[in-house]
Protein backbone atom coordinates (compact mmCIF):
# COMPACT_ATOMS: atom_id res chain seq x y z
CA MET A 1 -7.06 38.89 2.44
CA LYS A 2 -9.49 37.26 4.89
CA ASN A 3 -10.69 34.90 2.13
CA ASN A 4 -7.09 33.92 1.30
CA ILE A 5 -6.41 33.02 4.94
CA LEU A 6 -9.63 30.97 5.16
CA HIS A 7 -8.80 29.26 1.87
CA SER A 8 -5.28 28.43 3.10
CA LEU A 9 -6.65 27.07 6.39
CA SER A 10 -9.17 24.93 4.51
CA ILE A 11 -6.45 23.46 2.33
CA ALA A 12 -4.25 22.78 5.37
CA ALA A 13 -7.15 21.04 7.13
CA LEU A 14 -7.84 18.86 4.06
CA ILE A 15 -4.16 17.90 3.81
CA ALA A 16 -4.05 17.01 7.52
CA LEU A 17 -7.27 14.99 7.20
CA SER A 18 -6.03 13.10 4.14
CA ALA A 19 -2.73 12.34 5.90
CA SER A 20 -4.58 10.84 8.86
CA VAL A 21 -6.76 8.76 6.53
CA VAL A 22 -3.70 7.40 4.69
CA SER A 23 -2.07 6.33 7.98
CA ALA A 24 -4.79 3.72 8.65
CA ASP A 25 -6.66 1.28 6.44
CA ILE A 26 -9.95 -0.53 6.77
CA PHE A 27 -9.57 -4.31 6.73
CA THR A 28 -12.77 -6.30 6.26
CA LEU A 29 -13.37 -9.95 7.10
CA ILE A 30 -15.53 -12.12 4.86
CA SER A 31 -18.07 -12.11 7.72
CA GLY A 32 -18.41 -8.32 7.27
CA THR A 33 -16.53 -7.27 10.42
CA ALA A 34 -14.31 -4.26 9.61
CA TYR A 35 -11.19 -3.09 11.43
CA ASN A 36 -9.78 0.41 11.02
CA GLY A 37 -6.05 0.36 11.76
CA LYS A 38 -2.54 -0.53 10.65
CA ILE A 39 -0.99 -3.94 10.12
CA PHE A 40 1.33 -4.74 13.03
CA LYS A 41 2.67 -8.14 11.93
CA ILE A 42 1.89 -11.32 10.06
CA LEU A 43 2.85 -14.55 11.80
CA GLU A 44 2.11 -18.02 10.42
CA GLY A 45 -0.82 -16.75 8.33
CA GLN A 46 -2.30 -14.73 11.22
CA VAL A 47 -2.61 -10.99 10.58
CA THR A 48 -2.37 -8.70 13.62
CA ILE A 49 -3.86 -5.24 13.19
CA ASP A 50 -3.22 -2.28 15.49
CA VAL A 51 -6.67 -0.77 15.99
CA ALA A 52 -7.82 2.29 17.91
CA GLY A 53 -6.62 2.84 21.47
CA GLY A 54 -3.53 0.66 21.15
CA GLU A 55 -5.61 -2.53 20.98
CA LYS A 56 -4.60 -5.32 18.63
CA THR A 57 -6.77 -7.86 16.87
CA THR A 58 -5.63 -11.00 15.06
CA ALA A 59 -7.38 -13.00 12.33
CA PRO A 60 -6.30 -15.57 9.73
CA LEU A 61 -5.36 -14.04 6.37
CA VAL A 62 -7.88 -16.31 4.60
CA ASP A 63 -10.72 -14.78 6.65
CA PHE A 64 -10.22 -11.33 5.04
CA ASP A 65 -12.08 -10.27 1.91
CA GLU A 66 -10.24 -10.14 -1.41
CA ALA A 67 -9.50 -6.40 -1.33
CA SER A 68 -8.11 -6.59 2.22
CA GLN A 69 -5.99 -9.63 1.31
CA GLU A 70 -4.51 -7.67 -1.58
CA VAL A 71 -3.56 -4.77 0.72
CA ILE A 72 -2.15 -7.19 3.32
CA ASN A 73 -0.06 -9.04 0.72
CA LYS A 74 1.35 -5.74 -0.61
CA TRP A 75 2.23 -4.76 2.97
CA ALA A 76 3.94 -8.14 3.49
CA SER A 77 6.05 -7.53 0.38
CA SER A 78 6.99 -4.06 1.58
CA TYR A 79 7.80 -5.10 5.18
CA PRO A 80 9.30 -8.61 5.02
CA GLU A 81 10.97 -8.06 8.40
CA SER A 82 7.50 -8.07 10.01
CA VAL A 83 6.35 -11.32 8.40
CA ASP A 84 7.02 -14.61 10.19
CA VAL A 85 9.71 -12.90 12.25
CA TYR A 86 9.41 -15.35 15.12
CA THR A 87 9.38 -18.57 13.09
CA LYS A 88 12.40 -18.28 10.80
CA TRP A 89 15.60 -19.22 12.61
CA ASP A 90 19.05 -20.41 11.56
CA SER A 91 18.63 -22.85 14.42
CA GLN A 92 15.71 -23.43 16.77
CA PRO A 93 16.03 -21.42 20.03
CA VAL A 94 16.84 -23.45 23.14
CA ILE A 95 15.90 -22.50 26.71
CA LYS A 96 19.13 -21.76 28.57
CA SER A 97 17.57 -20.85 31.88
CA SER A 98 14.17 -20.37 33.41
CA ALA A 99 12.67 -19.35 36.72
CA ILE A 100 9.86 -20.98 38.63
CA SER A 101 6.95 -18.59 38.67
CA GLN A 102 5.35 -17.45 41.91
CA LEU A 103 1.77 -18.67 41.53
CA PRO A 104 -1.15 -18.17 43.91
CA ASN A 105 -2.28 -21.40 45.62
CA GLN A 106 -5.50 -21.67 43.60
CA LEU A 107 -3.40 -21.92 40.43
CA ARG A 108 -1.26 -24.75 41.85
CA ASP A 109 -4.19 -27.19 41.78
CA PRO A 110 -3.30 -30.04 39.33
CA ALA A 111 -6.75 -29.69 37.73
CA PHE A 112 -6.14 -26.04 36.91
CA LYS A 113 -5.59 -25.35 33.22
CA GLY A 114 -4.66 -22.08 31.61
CA MET A 115 -2.81 -20.59 28.70
CA VAL A 116 -0.73 -17.47 28.11
CA SER A 117 0.36 -16.16 24.72
CA VAL A 118 3.61 -14.18 24.85
CA ASP A 119 5.37 -12.27 22.07
CA LEU A 120 9.14 -12.53 22.47
CA VAL A 121 11.76 -10.67 20.49
CA LEU A 122 15.31 -12.03 20.64
CA ASN A 123 18.47 -10.41 19.36
CA GLU A 124 21.27 -12.15 17.45
CA LYS A 125 22.92 -13.16 20.75
CA GLU A 126 19.74 -15.03 21.77
CA GLN A 127 18.93 -12.50 24.48
CA VAL A 128 15.34 -11.46 25.11
CA ILE A 129 14.98 -7.80 24.20
CA SER A 130 11.19 -7.66 24.52
CA ALA A 131 8.53 -9.84 26.12
CA LYS A 132 4.86 -8.94 26.16
CA VAL A 133 1.80 -10.94 27.22
CA GLN A 134 -0.70 -10.80 24.37
CA LYS A 135 -3.49 -13.03 25.70
CA SER A 136 -4.23 -14.97 28.87
CA THR A 137 -7.06 -17.29 29.83
CA HIS A 138 -6.86 -15.96 33.42
CA ALA A 139 -5.96 -12.44 34.53
CA GLU A 140 -3.83 -13.91 37.34
CA LEU A 141 -1.48 -15.49 34.80
C-alpha cells in the first residue's frame, strides 16, 4: 500500500514537472545566448520572449539559431493574432488628441535627447485599451 502511494506520488510529480517544462521553451541565439521562456509577440521581425520574473527580451528573428527559428515560425503560424499586430491597419492611425507632458526642468533643455518605446493596443474604435512603456533611455521619461 505504502509503495503504491509513493509510486502514485512519483508519477504525479513527473507529470507536473513535464507540464512545467512544456510551458516554456529554450530559444538560442547564434551567438550562443539562450533564453528560457515563452514567445510574447513578433513585431516587424523582432521576437519578444517572456523570460523569468516577468521580464521580456527582444531579438531579431534572424539572430536565432535554426532550431529556435523553426519553433518561432511554428508559433507564428499558430498565433497569427500576435504577429505584426501593431503594423497591419485598414488605415494608418491618426492622433486625435494629445497632452503636453509635465517634464522636469532638466529635461526641457533643447540639447536633451531621449527615447521611449511604448506598446499601445487600440480597439476597433481607435481607443487606447493598453499602453505600457517597454524601454526608456532615461528613468525620468
